[in-house]
Full PDB file with SEQRES, HELIX, SHEET, SSBOND, CRYST1, ORIGX, SCALE, CONECT and MASTER records, all heavy atoms in Angstrom:
SEQRES   1 A   43  ARG ALA GLU PRO GLY SER LYS ARG THR GLN GLN LEU SER          
SEQRES   2 A   43  GLY ASP HIS THR SER LEU VAL LEU SER ASP LEU ALA PRO          
SEQRES   3 A   43  GLU THR THR TYR GLU VAL ALA LEU ILE PRO GLU SER ASN          
SEQRES   4 A   43  VAL HIS TYR PHE                                              
CRYST1    1.000    1.000    1.000  90.00  90.00  90.00 P 1           1          
ORIGX1      1.000000  0.000000  0.000000        0.00000                         
ORIGX2      0.000000  1.000000  0.000000        0.00000                         
ORIGX3      0.000000  0.000000  1.000000        0.00000                         
SCALE1      1.000000  0.000000  0.000000        0.00000                         
SCALE2      0.000000  1.000000  0.000000        0.00000                         
SCALE3      0.000000  0.000000  1.000000        0.00000                         
ATOM      1  N   ARG A   1       0.828  -1.199   0.000  1.00  0.00           N  
ATOM      2  CA  ARG A   1       0.000   0.000   0.000  1.00  0.00           C  
ATOM      3  C   ARG A   1       0.870   1.260   0.000  1.00  0.00           C  
ATOM      4  O   ARG A   1       0.537   2.264  -0.606  1.00  0.00           O  
ATOM      5  CB  ARG A   1      -0.862  -0.041   1.260  1.00  0.00           C  
ATOM      6  CG  ARG A   1      -1.996   0.901   1.234  1.00  0.00           C  
ATOM      7  CD  ARG A   1      -2.851   0.658   2.440  1.00  0.00           C  
ATOM      8  NE  ARG A   1      -3.596   1.885   2.714  1.00  0.00           N  
ATOM      9  CZ  ARG A   1      -4.147   2.143   3.876  1.00  0.00           C  
ATOM     10  NH1 ARG A   1      -4.033   1.280   4.862  1.00  0.00           N  
ATOM     11  NH2 ARG A   1      -4.806   3.254   4.055  1.00  0.00           N  
ATOM     12  N   ALA A   2       2.011   1.193   0.698  1.00  0.00           N  
ATOM     13  CA  ALA A   2       2.888   2.359   0.800  1.00  0.00           C  
ATOM     14  C   ALA A   2       3.649   2.635  -0.500  1.00  0.00           C  
ATOM     15  O   ALA A   2       4.137   3.734  -0.703  1.00  0.00           O  
ATOM     16  CB  ALA A   2       3.876   2.158   1.948  1.00  0.00           C  
ATOM     17  N   GLU A   3       3.776   1.623  -1.360  1.00  0.00           N  
ATOM     18  CA  GLU A   3       4.512   1.823  -2.617  1.00  0.00           C  
ATOM     19  C   GLU A   3       3.708   1.280  -3.790  1.00  0.00           C  
ATOM     20  O   GLU A   3       4.044   0.241  -4.355  1.00  0.00           O  
ATOM     21  CB  GLU A   3       5.841   1.053  -2.596  1.00  0.00           C  
ATOM     22  CG  GLU A   3       6.668   1.188  -1.355  1.00  0.00           C  
ATOM     23  CD  GLU A   3       7.707   0.074  -1.305  1.00  0.00           C  
ATOM     24  OE1 GLU A   3       8.346  -0.197  -2.339  1.00  0.00           O  
ATOM     25  OE2 GLU A   3       7.862  -0.519  -0.239  1.00  0.00           O  
ATOM     26  N   PRO A   4       2.643   1.995  -4.165  1.00  0.00           N  
ATOM     27  CA  PRO A   4       1.808   1.493  -5.270  1.00  0.00           C  
ATOM     28  C   PRO A   4       2.579   1.345  -6.575  1.00  0.00           C  
ATOM     29  O   PRO A   4       2.190   0.585  -7.458  1.00  0.00           O  
ATOM     30  CB  PRO A   4       0.689   2.533  -5.390  1.00  0.00           C  
ATOM     31  CG  PRO A   4       1.088   3.691  -4.551  1.00  0.00           C  
ATOM     32  CD  PRO A   4       2.123   3.238  -3.584  1.00  0.00           C  
ATOM     33  N   GLY A   5       3.711   2.043  -6.700  1.00  0.00           N  
ATOM     34  CA  GLY A   5       4.493   1.945  -7.926  1.00  0.00           C  
ATOM     35  C   GLY A   5       5.175   0.599  -8.119  1.00  0.00           C  
ATOM     36  O   GLY A   5       5.558   0.246  -9.232  1.00  0.00           O  
ATOM     37  N   SER A   6       5.343  -0.163  -7.038  1.00  0.00           N  
ATOM     38  CA  SER A   6       6.065  -1.442  -7.175  1.00  0.00           C  
ATOM     39  C   SER A   6       5.071  -2.583  -7.371  1.00  0.00           C  
ATOM     40  O   SER A   6       5.137  -3.614  -6.722  1.00  0.00           O  
ATOM     41  CB  SER A   6       6.912  -1.699  -5.932  1.00  0.00           C  
ATOM     42  OG  SER A   6       6.077  -1.836  -4.806  1.00  0.00           O  
ATOM     43  N   LYS A   7       4.137  -2.354  -8.270  1.00  0.00           N  
ATOM     44  CA  LYS A   7       3.061  -3.324  -8.484  1.00  0.00           C  
ATOM     45  C   LYS A   7       3.582  -4.560  -9.206  1.00  0.00           C  
ATOM     46  O   LYS A   7       4.404  -4.465 -10.107  1.00  0.00           O  
ATOM     47  CB  LYS A   7       1.974  -2.642  -9.324  1.00  0.00           C  
ATOM     48  CG  LYS A   7       0.729  -3.470  -9.510  1.00  0.00           C  
ATOM     49  CD  LYS A   7      -0.309  -2.718 -10.328  1.00  0.00           C  
ATOM     50  CE  LYS A   7      -0.991  -1.635  -9.506  1.00  0.00           C  
ATOM     51  NZ  LYS A   7      -2.063  -0.973 -10.280  1.00  0.00           N  
ATOM     52  N   ARG A   8       3.114  -5.726  -8.779  1.00  0.00           N  
ATOM     53  CA  ARG A   8       3.445  -6.969  -9.478  1.00  0.00           C  
ATOM     54  C   ARG A   8       2.163  -7.525 -10.083  1.00  0.00           C  
ATOM     55  O   ARG A   8       1.091  -7.389  -9.492  1.00  0.00           O  
ATOM     56  CB  ARG A   8       4.036  -7.993  -8.502  1.00  0.00           C  
ATOM     57  CG  ARG A   8       5.418  -7.571  -8.009  1.00  0.00           C  
ATOM     58  CD  ARG A   8       6.065  -8.692  -7.225  1.00  0.00           C  
ATOM     59  NE  ARG A   8       6.221  -8.313  -5.826  1.00  0.00           N  
ATOM     60  CZ  ARG A   8       6.710  -9.124  -4.897  1.00  0.00           C  
ATOM     61  NH1 ARG A   8       7.073 -10.361  -5.185  1.00  0.00           N  
ATOM     62  NH2 ARG A   8       6.830  -8.715  -3.646  1.00  0.00           N  
ATOM     63  N   THR A   9       2.281  -8.124 -11.248  1.00  0.00           N  
ATOM     64  CA  THR A   9       1.110  -8.632 -11.967  1.00  0.00           C  
ATOM     65  C   THR A   9       1.330 -10.097 -12.329  1.00  0.00           C  
ATOM     66  O   THR A   9       2.444 -10.485 -12.684  1.00  0.00           O  
ATOM     67  CB  THR A   9       0.885  -7.826 -13.258  1.00  0.00           C  
ATOM     68  OG1 THR A   9       0.860  -6.443 -12.919  1.00  0.00           O  
ATOM     69  CG2 THR A   9      -0.411  -8.198 -13.923  1.00  0.00           C  
ATOM     70  N   GLN A  10       0.262 -10.882 -12.195  1.00  0.00           N  
ATOM     71  CA  GLN A  10       0.324 -12.284 -12.632  1.00  0.00           C  
ATOM     72  C   GLN A  10      -0.923 -12.572 -13.440  1.00  0.00           C  
ATOM     73  O   GLN A  10      -1.992 -12.055 -13.135  1.00  0.00           O  
ATOM     74  CB  GLN A  10       0.341 -13.214 -11.407  1.00  0.00           C  
ATOM     75  CG  GLN A  10       1.737 -13.569 -10.951  1.00  0.00           C  
ATOM     76  CD  GLN A  10       1.686 -14.432  -9.695  1.00  0.00           C  
ATOM     77  OE1 GLN A  10       1.634 -13.926  -8.602  1.00  0.00           O  
ATOM     78  NE2 GLN A  10       1.692 -15.726  -9.855  1.00  0.00           N  
ATOM     79  N   GLN A  11      -0.766 -13.414 -14.457  1.00  0.00           N  
ATOM     80  CA  GLN A  11      -1.943 -13.870 -15.197  1.00  0.00           C  
ATOM     81  C   GLN A  11      -2.230 -15.313 -14.821  1.00  0.00           C  
ATOM     82  O   GLN A  11      -1.317 -16.128 -14.698  1.00  0.00           O  
ATOM     83  CB  GLN A  11      -1.699 -13.778 -16.706  1.00  0.00           C  
ATOM     84  CG  GLN A  11      -1.875 -12.360 -17.200  1.00  0.00           C  
ATOM     85  CD  GLN A  11      -2.065 -12.301 -18.700  1.00  0.00           C  
ATOM     86  OE1 GLN A  11      -2.083 -13.331 -19.371  1.00  0.00           O  
ATOM     87  NE2 GLN A  11      -2.214 -11.101 -19.224  1.00  0.00           N  
ATOM     88  N   LEU A  12      -3.516 -15.602 -14.631  1.00  0.00           N  
ATOM     89  CA  LEU A  12      -3.939 -16.945 -14.222  1.00  0.00           C  
ATOM     90  C   LEU A  12      -5.029 -17.410 -15.168  1.00  0.00           C  
ATOM     91  O   LEU A  12      -5.881 -16.617 -15.567  1.00  0.00           O  
ATOM     92  CB  LEU A  12      -4.516 -16.906 -12.805  1.00  0.00           C  
ATOM     93  CG  LEU A  12      -3.638 -16.257 -11.746  1.00  0.00           C  
ATOM     94  CD1 LEU A  12      -4.436 -16.014 -10.497  1.00  0.00           C  
ATOM     95  CD2 LEU A  12      -2.456 -17.152 -11.448  1.00  0.00           C  
ATOM     96  N   SER A  13      -5.009 -18.690 -15.473  1.00  0.00           N  
ATOM     97  CA  SER A  13      -6.062 -19.211 -16.338  1.00  0.00           C  
ATOM     98  C   SER A  13      -7.406 -19.172 -15.597  1.00  0.00           C  
ATOM     99  O   SER A  13      -7.453 -19.124 -14.367  1.00  0.00           O  
ATOM    100  CB  SER A  13      -5.720 -20.636 -16.781  1.00  0.00           C  
ATOM    101  OG  SER A  13      -5.691 -21.484 -15.657  1.00  0.00           O  
ATOM    102  N   GLY A  14      -8.487 -19.197 -16.376  1.00  0.00           N  
ATOM    103  CA  GLY A  14      -9.827 -18.997 -15.822  1.00  0.00           C  
ATOM    104  C   GLY A  14     -10.302 -20.076 -14.865  1.00  0.00           C  
ATOM    105  O   GLY A  14     -11.299 -19.888 -14.176  1.00  0.00           O  
ATOM    106  N   ASP A  15      -9.597 -21.227 -14.808  1.00  0.00           N  
ATOM    107  CA  ASP A  15     -10.064 -22.271 -13.888  1.00  0.00           C  
ATOM    108  C   ASP A  15      -9.458 -22.125 -12.493  1.00  0.00           C  
ATOM    109  O   ASP A  15      -9.738 -22.928 -11.607  1.00  0.00           O  
ATOM    110  CB  ASP A  15      -9.786 -23.673 -14.465  1.00  0.00           C  
ATOM    111  CG  ASP A  15      -8.338 -23.844 -14.891  1.00  0.00           C  
ATOM    112  OD1 ASP A  15      -7.559 -22.857 -14.801  1.00  0.00           O  
ATOM    113  OD2 ASP A  15      -7.984 -24.953 -15.324  1.00  0.00           O  
ATOM    114  N   HIS A  16      -8.632 -21.103 -12.247  1.00  0.00           N  
ATOM    115  CA  HIS A  16      -8.079 -20.893 -10.902  1.00  0.00           C  
ATOM    116  C   HIS A  16      -9.133 -20.332  -9.948  1.00  0.00           C  
ATOM    117  O   HIS A  16      -9.941 -19.490 -10.354  1.00  0.00           O  
ATOM    118  CB  HIS A  16      -6.914 -19.886 -10.947  1.00  0.00           C  
ATOM    119  CG  HIS A  16      -5.601 -20.493 -11.319  1.00  0.00           C  
ATOM    120  ND1 HIS A  16      -5.301 -20.902 -12.590  1.00  0.00           N  
ATOM    121  CD2 HIS A  16      -4.506 -20.762 -10.566  1.00  0.00           C  
ATOM    122  CE1 HIS A  16      -4.069 -21.388 -12.611  1.00  0.00           C  
ATOM    123  NE2 HIS A  16      -3.563 -21.310 -11.400  1.00  0.00           N  
ATOM    124  N   THR A  17      -9.103 -20.786  -8.716  1.00  0.00           N  
ATOM    125  CA  THR A  17      -9.904 -20.133  -7.674  1.00  0.00           C  
ATOM    126  C   THR A  17      -9.068 -19.865  -6.429  1.00  0.00           C  
ATOM    127  O   THR A  17      -9.600 -19.448  -5.400  1.00  0.00           O  
ATOM    128  CB  THR A  17     -11.125 -20.986  -7.261  1.00  0.00           C  
ATOM    129  OG1 THR A  17     -10.650 -22.279  -6.865  1.00  0.00           O  
ATOM    130  CG2 THR A  17     -12.130 -21.127  -8.389  1.00  0.00           C  
ATOM    131  N   SER A  18      -7.756 -20.118  -6.496  1.00  0.00           N  
ATOM    132  CA  SER A  18      -6.909 -19.757  -5.370  1.00  0.00           C  
ATOM    133  C   SER A  18      -5.462 -19.674  -5.835  1.00  0.00           C  
ATOM    134  O   SER A  18      -5.093 -20.205  -6.884  1.00  0.00           O  
ATOM    135  CB  SER A  18      -7.050 -20.748  -4.207  1.00  0.00           C  
ATOM    136  OG  SER A  18      -6.155 -21.813  -4.343  1.00  0.00           O  
ATOM    137  N   LEU A  19      -4.660 -18.962  -5.038  1.00  0.00           N  
ATOM    138  CA  LEU A  19      -3.256 -18.763  -5.366  1.00  0.00           C  
ATOM    139  C   LEU A  19      -2.533 -18.337  -4.095  1.00  0.00           C  
ATOM    140  O   LEU A  19      -3.078 -17.566  -3.306  1.00  0.00           O  
ATOM    141  CB  LEU A  19      -3.134 -17.632  -6.409  1.00  0.00           C  
ATOM    142  CG  LEU A  19      -1.704 -17.247  -6.801  1.00  0.00           C  
ATOM    143  CD1 LEU A  19      -1.085 -18.317  -7.689  1.00  0.00           C  
ATOM    144  CD2 LEU A  19      -1.680 -15.895  -7.496  1.00  0.00           C  
ATOM    145  N   VAL A  20      -1.313 -18.830  -3.913  1.00  0.00           N  
ATOM    146  CA  VAL A  20      -0.486 -18.370  -2.791  1.00  0.00           C  
ATOM    147  C   VAL A  20       0.496 -17.324  -3.307  1.00  0.00           C  
ATOM    148  O   VAL A  20       1.215 -17.567  -4.277  1.00  0.00           O  
ATOM    149  CB  VAL A  20       0.281 -19.548  -2.143  1.00  0.00           C  
ATOM    150  CG1 VAL A  20       1.249 -19.031  -1.074  1.00  0.00           C  
ATOM    151  CG2 VAL A  20      -0.694 -20.543  -1.537  1.00  0.00           C  
ATOM    152  N   LEU A  21       0.499 -16.159  -2.687  1.00  0.00           N  
ATOM    153  CA  LEU A  21       1.502 -15.133  -2.978  1.00  0.00           C  
ATOM    154  C   LEU A  21       2.595 -15.246  -1.926  1.00  0.00           C  
ATOM    155  O   LEU A  21       2.300 -15.251  -0.732  1.00  0.00           O  
ATOM    156  CB  LEU A  21       0.882 -13.734  -2.908  1.00  0.00           C  
ATOM    157  CG  LEU A  21      -0.137 -13.390  -3.984  1.00  0.00           C  
ATOM    158  CD1 LEU A  21      -0.596 -11.959  -3.828  1.00  0.00           C  
ATOM    159  CD2 LEU A  21       0.450 -13.605  -5.375  1.00  0.00           C  
ATOM    160  N   SER A  22       3.852 -15.334  -2.374  1.00  0.00           N  
ATOM    161  CA  SER A  22       4.946 -15.475  -1.408  1.00  0.00           C  
ATOM    162  C   SER A  22       6.030 -14.442  -1.681  1.00  0.00           C  
ATOM    163  O   SER A  22       5.866 -13.575  -2.541  1.00  0.00           O  
ATOM    164  CB  SER A  22       5.503 -16.896  -1.443  1.00  0.00           C  
ATOM    165  OG  SER A  22       5.853 -17.222  -2.762  1.00  0.00           O  
ATOM    166  N   ASP A  23       7.136 -14.545  -0.932  1.00  0.00           N  
ATOM    167  CA  ASP A  23       8.234 -13.555  -1.020  1.00  0.00           C  
ATOM    168  C   ASP A  23       7.739 -12.144  -0.722  1.00  0.00           C  
ATOM    169  O   ASP A  23       8.143 -11.176  -1.367  1.00  0.00           O  
ATOM    170  CB  ASP A  23       8.881 -13.553  -2.419  1.00  0.00           C  
ATOM    171  CG  ASP A  23       9.512 -14.897  -2.720  1.00  0.00           C  
ATOM    172  OD1 ASP A  23      10.000 -15.533  -1.771  1.00  0.00           O  
ATOM    173  OD2 ASP A  23       9.507 -15.304  -3.887  1.00  0.00           O  
ATOM    174  N   LEU A  24       6.857 -12.026   0.249  1.00  0.00           N  
ATOM    175  CA  LEU A  24       6.334 -10.715   0.608  1.00  0.00           C  
ATOM    176  C   LEU A  24       7.117 -10.151   1.792  1.00  0.00           C  
ATOM    177  O   LEU A  24       7.819 -10.874   2.482  1.00  0.00           O  
ATOM    178  CB  LEU A  24       4.851 -10.841   0.974  1.00  0.00           C  
ATOM    179  CG  LEU A  24       3.976 -11.498  -0.093  1.00  0.00           C  
ATOM    180  CD1 LEU A  24       2.558 -11.667   0.406  1.00  0.00           C  
ATOM    181  CD2 LEU A  24       3.995 -10.704  -1.387  1.00  0.00           C  
ATOM    182  N   ALA A  25       6.977  -8.853   2.011  1.00  0.00           N  
ATOM    183  CA  ALA A  25       7.658  -8.211   3.137  1.00  0.00           C  
ATOM    184  C   ALA A  25       6.817  -8.391   4.405  1.00  0.00           C  
ATOM    185  O   ALA A  25       5.593  -8.363   4.340  1.00  0.00           O  
ATOM    186  CB  ALA A  25       7.845  -6.727   2.841  1.00  0.00           C  
ATOM    187  N   PRO A  26       7.463  -8.575   5.559  1.00  0.00           N  
ATOM    188  CA  PRO A  26       6.698  -8.714   6.805  1.00  0.00           C  
ATOM    189  C   PRO A  26       6.065  -7.388   7.228  1.00  0.00           C  
ATOM    190  O   PRO A  26       6.535  -6.315   6.843  1.00  0.00           O  
ATOM    191  CB  PRO A  26       7.746  -9.156   7.828  1.00  0.00           C  
ATOM    192  CG  PRO A  26       9.056  -8.741   7.264  1.00  0.00           C  
ATOM    193  CD  PRO A  26       8.910  -8.723   5.776  1.00  0.00           C  
ATOM    194  N   GLU A  27       4.997  -7.489   8.001  1.00  0.00           N  
ATOM    195  CA  GLU A  27       4.297  -6.322   8.567  1.00  0.00           C  
ATOM    196  C   GLU A  27       4.022  -5.259   7.509  1.00  0.00           C  
ATOM    197  O   GLU A  27       4.280  -4.081   7.695  1.00  0.00           O  
ATOM    198  CB  GLU A  27       5.134  -5.699   9.699  1.00  0.00           C  
ATOM    199  CG  GLU A  27       4.817  -6.312  11.035  1.00  0.00           C  
ATOM    200  CD  GLU A  27       5.498  -5.568  12.179  1.00  0.00           C  
ATOM    201  OE1 GLU A  27       6.730  -5.579  12.242  1.00  0.00           O  
ATOM    202  OE2 GLU A  27       4.783  -4.990  13.019  1.00  0.00           O  
ATOM    203  N   THR A  28       3.514  -5.715   6.359  1.00  0.00           N  
ATOM    204  CA  THR A  28       3.247  -4.807   5.247  1.00  0.00           C  
ATOM    205  C   THR A  28       1.819  -5.028   4.766  1.00  0.00           C  
ATOM    206  O   THR A  28       1.365  -6.170   4.678  1.00  0.00           O  
ATOM    207  CB  THR A  28       4.240  -5.088   4.095  1.00  0.00           C  
ATOM    208  OG1 THR A  28       5.566  -4.919   4.590  1.00  0.00           O  
ATOM    209  CG2 THR A  28       4.026  -4.155   2.919  1.00  0.00           C  
ATOM    210  N   THR A  29       1.118  -3.942   4.491  1.00  0.00           N  
ATOM    211  CA  THR A  29      -0.244  -4.045   3.957  1.00  0.00           C  
ATOM    212  C   THR A  29      -0.174  -4.042   2.433  1.00  0.00           C  
ATOM    213  O   THR A  29       0.417  -3.139   1.839  1.00  0.00           O  
ATOM    214  CB  THR A  29      -1.104  -2.881   4.458  1.00  0.00           C  
ATOM    215  OG1 THR A  29      -1.144  -2.946   5.884  1.00  0.00           O  
ATOM    216  CG2 THR A  29      -2.526  -2.986   3.913  1.00  0.00           C  
ATOM    217  N   TYR A  30      -0.752  -5.066   1.842  1.00  0.00           N  
ATOM    218  CA  TYR A  30      -0.785  -5.189   0.386  1.00  0.00           C  
ATOM    219  C   TYR A  30      -2.186  -4.894  -0.134  1.00  0.00           C  
ATOM    220  O   TYR A  30      -3.166  -5.345   0.454  1.00  0.00           O  
ATOM    221  CB  TYR A  30      -0.380  -6.608  -0.047  1.00  0.00           C  
ATOM    222  CG  TYR A  30       1.109  -6.831   0.044  1.00  0.00           C  
ATOM    223  CD1 TYR A  30       1.689  -7.245   1.226  1.00  0.00           C  
ATOM    224  CD2 TYR A  30       1.931  -6.596  -1.056  1.00  0.00           C  
ATOM    225  CE1 TYR A  30       3.067  -7.427   1.323  1.00  0.00           C  
ATOM    226  CE2 TYR A  30       3.301  -6.781  -0.974  1.00  0.00           C  
ATOM    227  CZ  TYR A  30       3.868  -7.188   0.218  1.00  0.00           C  
ATOM    228  OH  TYR A  30       5.222  -7.359   0.297  1.00  0.00           O  
ATOM    229  N   GLU A  31      -2.240  -4.147  -1.226  1.00  0.00           N  
ATOM    230  CA  GLU A  31      -3.491  -3.955  -1.963  1.00  0.00           C  
ATOM    231  C   GLU A  31      -3.496  -5.007  -3.069  1.00  0.00           C  
ATOM    232  O   GLU A  31      -2.526  -5.103  -3.833  1.00  0.00           O  
ATOM    233  CB  GLU A  31      -3.518  -2.573  -2.614  1.00  0.00           C  
ATOM    234  CG  GLU A  31      -3.439  -1.416  -1.635  1.00  0.00           C  
ATOM    235  CD  GLU A  31      -4.775  -1.078  -1.000  1.00  0.00           C  
ATOM    236  OE1 GLU A  31      -5.777  -1.769  -1.303  1.00  0.00           O  
ATOM    237  OE2 GLU A  31      -4.810  -0.132  -0.200  1.00  0.00           O  
ATOM    238  N   VAL A  32      -4.562  -5.790  -3.124  1.00  0.00           N  
ATOM    239  CA  VAL A  32      -4.633  -6.868  -4.103  1.00  0.00           C  
ATOM    240  C   VAL A  32      -5.874  -6.661  -4.966  1.00  0.00           C  
ATOM    241  O   VAL A  32      -6.955  -6.391  -4.437  1.00  0.00           O  
ATOM    242  CB  VAL A  32      -4.728  -8.241  -3.393  1.00  0.00           C  
ATOM    243  CG1 VAL A  32      -4.748  -9.364  -4.424  1.00  0.00           C  
ATOM    244  CG2 VAL A  32      -3.587  -8.427  -2.401  1.00  0.00           C  
ATOM    245  N   ALA A  33      -5.702  -6.776  -6.286  1.00  0.00           N  
ATOM    246  CA  ALA A  33      -6.855  -6.674  -7.197  1.00  0.00           C  
ATOM    247  C   ALA A  33      -6.843  -7.886  -8.119  1.00  0.00           C  
ATOM    248  O   ALA A  33      -5.815  -8.220  -8.708  1.00  0.00           O  
ATOM    249  CB  ALA A  33      -6.783  -5.391  -8.011  1.00  0.00           C  
ATOM    250  N   LEU A  34      -7.977  -8.542  -8.194  1.00  0.00           N  
ATOM    251  CA  LEU A  34      -8.159  -9.665  -9.113  1.00  0.00           C  
ATOM    252  C   LEU A  34      -9.108  -9.176 -10.211  1.00  0.00           C  
ATOM    253  O   LEU A  34     -10.246  -8.808  -9.928  1.00  0.00           O  
ATOM    254  CB  LEU A  34      -8.753 -10.857  -8.374  1.00  0.00           C  
ATOM    255  CG  LEU A  34      -8.960 -12.116  -9.213  1.00  0.00           C  
ATOM    256  CD1 LEU A  34      -7.629 -12.803  -9.496  1.00  0.00           C  
ATOM    257  CD2 LEU A  34      -9.913 -13.073  -8.509  1.00  0.00           C  
ATOM    258  N   ILE A  35      -8.622  -9.153 -11.434  1.00  0.00           N  
ATOM    259  CA  ILE A  35      -9.423  -8.619 -12.537  1.00  0.00           C  
ATOM    260  C   ILE A  35      -9.828  -9.767 -13.458  1.00  0.00           C  
ATOM    261  O   ILE A  35      -8.979 -10.348 -14.142  1.00  0.00           O  
ATOM    262  CB  ILE A  35      -8.622  -7.552 -13.316  1.00  0.00           C  
ATOM    263  CG1 ILE A  35      -8.212  -6.419 -12.349  1.00  0.00           C  
ATOM    264  CG2 ILE A  35      -9.437  -7.000 -14.475  1.00  0.00           C  
ATOM    265  CD1 ILE A  35      -6.877  -5.826 -12.623  1.00  0.00           C  
ATOM    266  N   PRO A  36     -11.111 -10.171 -13.439  1.00  0.00           N  
ATOM    267  CA  PRO A  36     -11.560 -11.232 -14.348  1.00  0.00           C  
ATOM    268  C   PRO A  36     -11.641 -10.676 -15.768  1.00  0.00           C  
ATOM    269  O   PRO A  36     -12.335  -9.698 -16.010  1.00  0.00           O  
ATOM    270  CB  PRO A  36     -12.950 -11.592 -13.818  1.00  0.00           C  
ATOM    271  CG  PRO A  36     -13.052 -10.958 -12.458  1.00  0.00           C  
ATOM    272  CD  PRO A  36     -12.177  -9.747 -12.513  1.00  0.00           C  
ATOM    273  N   GLU A  37     -10.865 -11.246 -16.678  1.00  0.00           N  
ATOM    274  CA  GLU A  37     -10.860 -10.811 -18.086  1.00  0.00           C  
ATOM    275  C   GLU A  37     -11.715 -11.808 -18.856  1.00  0.00           C  
ATOM    276  O   GLU A  37     -11.207 -12.795 -19.379  1.00  0.00           O  
ATOM    277  CB  GLU A  37      -9.428 -10.797 -18.632  1.00  0.00           C  
ATOM    278  CG  GLU A  37      -8.438 -10.011 -17.782  1.00  0.00           C  
ATOM    279  CD  GLU A  37      -8.482  -8.504 -18.040  1.00  0.00           C  
ATOM    280  OE1 GLU A  37      -9.329  -8.066 -18.852  1.00  0.00           O  
ATOM    281  OE2 GLU A  37      -7.675  -7.784 -17.433  1.00  0.00           O  
ATOM    282  N   SER A  38     -13.023 -11.549 -18.862  1.00  0.00           N  
ATOM    283  CA  SER A  38     -13.954 -12.511 -19.458  1.00  0.00           C  
ATOM    284  C   SER A  38     -14.299 -12.102 -20.874  1.00  0.00           C  
ATOM    285  O   SER A  38     -14.473 -10.922 -21.162  1.00  0.00           O  
ATOM    286  CB  SER A  38     -15.233 -12.563 -18.613  1.00  0.00           C  
ATOM    287  OG  SER A  38     -16.231 -13.275 -19.302  1.00  0.00           O  
ATOM    288  N   ASN A  39     -14.412 -13.107 -21.738  1.00  0.00           N  
ATOM    289  CA  ASN A  39     -14.887 -12.773 -23.086  1.00  0.00           C  
ATOM    290  C   ASN A  39     -16.395 -12.997 -23.214  1.00  0.00           C  
ATOM    291  O   ASN A  39     -16.930 -12.991 -24.311  1.00  0.00           O  
ATOM    292  CB  ASN A  39     -14.104 -13.573 -24.143  1.00  0.00           C  
ATOM    293  CG  ASN A  39     -14.053 -15.042 -23.814  1.00  0.00           C  
ATOM    294  OD1 ASN A  39     -14.960 -15.564 -23.161  1.00  0.00           O  
ATOM    295  ND2 ASN A  39     -12.995 -15.713 -24.244  1.00  0.00           N  
ATOM    296  N   VAL A  40     -17.079 -13.212 -22.092  1.00  0.00           N  
ATOM    297  CA  VAL A  40     -18.529 -13.432 -22.115  1.00  0.00           C  
ATOM    298  C   VAL A  40     -19.263 -12.334 -21.341  1.00  0.00           C  
ATOM    299  O   VAL A  40     -20.146 -11.667 -21.862  1.00  0.00           O  
ATOM    300  CB  VAL A  40     -18.872 -14.815 -21.505  1.00  0.00           C  
ATOM    301  CG1 VAL A  40     -20.372 -15.057 -21.607  1.00  0.00           C  
ATOM    302  CG2 VAL A  40     -18.091 -15.920 -22.200  1.00  0.00           C  
ATOM    303  N   HIS A  41     -18.894 -12.150 -20.060  1.00  0.00           N  
ATOM    304  CA  HIS A  41     -19.562 -11.167 -19.208  1.00  0.00           C  
ATOM    305  C   HIS A  41     -18.535 -10.170 -18.716  1.00  0.00           C  
ATOM    306  O   HIS A  41     -17.353 -10.460 -18.682  1.00  0.00           O  
ATOM    307  CB  HIS A  41     -20.145 -11.827 -17.948  1.00  0.00           C  
ATOM    308  CG  HIS A  41     -21.140 -12.884 -18.242  1.00  0.00           C  
ATOM    309  ND1 HIS A  41     -22.407 -12.608 -18.687  1.00  0.00           N  
ATOM    310  CD2 HIS A  41     -21.065 -14.233 -18.123  1.00  0.00           C  
ATOM    311  CE1 HIS A  41     -23.068 -13.742 -18.841  1.00  0.00           C  
ATOM    312  NE2 HIS A  41     -22.270 -14.740 -18.513  1.00  0.00           N  
ATOM    313  N   TYR A  42     -19.053  -9.021 -18.245  1.00  0.00           N  
ATOM    314  CA  TYR A  42     -18.164  -8.104 -17.525  1.00  0.00           C  
ATOM    315  C   TYR A  42     -18.240  -8.438 -16.038  1.00  0.00           C  
ATOM    316  O   TYR A  42     -19.323  -8.533 -15.467  1.00  0.00           O  
ATOM    317  CB  TYR A  42     -18.594  -6.644 -17.739  1.00  0.00           C  
ATOM    318  CG  TYR A  42     -17.849  -5.717 -16.795  1.00  0.00           C  
ATOM    319  CD1 TYR A  42     -16.492  -5.437 -16.991  1.00  0.00           C  
ATOM    320  CD2 TYR A  42     -18.487  -5.177 -15.685  1.00  0.00           C  
ATOM    321  CE1 TYR A  42     -15.796  -4.619 -16.110  1.00  0.00           C  
ATOM    322  CE2 TYR A  42     -17.800  -4.354 -14.803  1.00  0.00           C  
ATOM    323  CZ  TYR A  42     -16.451  -4.087 -15.023  1.00  0.00           C  
ATOM    324  OH  TYR A  42     -15.765  -3.302 -14.143  1.00  0.00           O  
ATOM    325  N   PHE A  43     -17.085  -8.648 -15.420  1.00  0.00           N  
ATOM    326  CA  PHE A  43     -17.036  -8.809 -13.963  1.00  0.00           C  
ATOM    327  C   PHE A  43     -16.217  -7.660 -13.397  1.00  0.00           C  
ATOM    328  O   PHE A  43     -15.137  -7.361 -13.914  1.00  0.00           O  
ATOM    329  CB  PHE A  43     -16.331 -10.115 -13.585  1.00  0.00           C  
ATOM    330  CG  PHE A  43     -17.092 -11.349 -13.966  1.00  0.00           C  
ATOM    331  CD1 PHE A  43     -16.678 -12.119 -15.046  1.00  0.00           C  
ATOM    332  CD2 PHE A  43     -18.185 -11.760 -13.229  1.00  0.00           C  
ATOM    333  CE1 PHE A  43     -17.364 -13.271 -15.398  1.00  0.00           C  
ATOM    334  CE2 PHE A  43     -18.870 -12.915 -13.581  1.00  0.00           C  
ATOM    335  CZ  PHE A  43     -18.465 -13.664 -14.659  1.00  0.00           C  
TER     336      PHE A  43                                                      
MASTER        0    0    0    0    0    0    0    6  335    1    0    4          
END                                                                             
């Protein structure tokens, strides 16, 4: 949250419903956004 410029992005196939994020800094608040890129509906 303190450094929005250091954003990391991952692409996941549509059948994912979970993921572990690792190598994070301790005692740090992360802003996380999951963007569904659907070719059928807008989510």
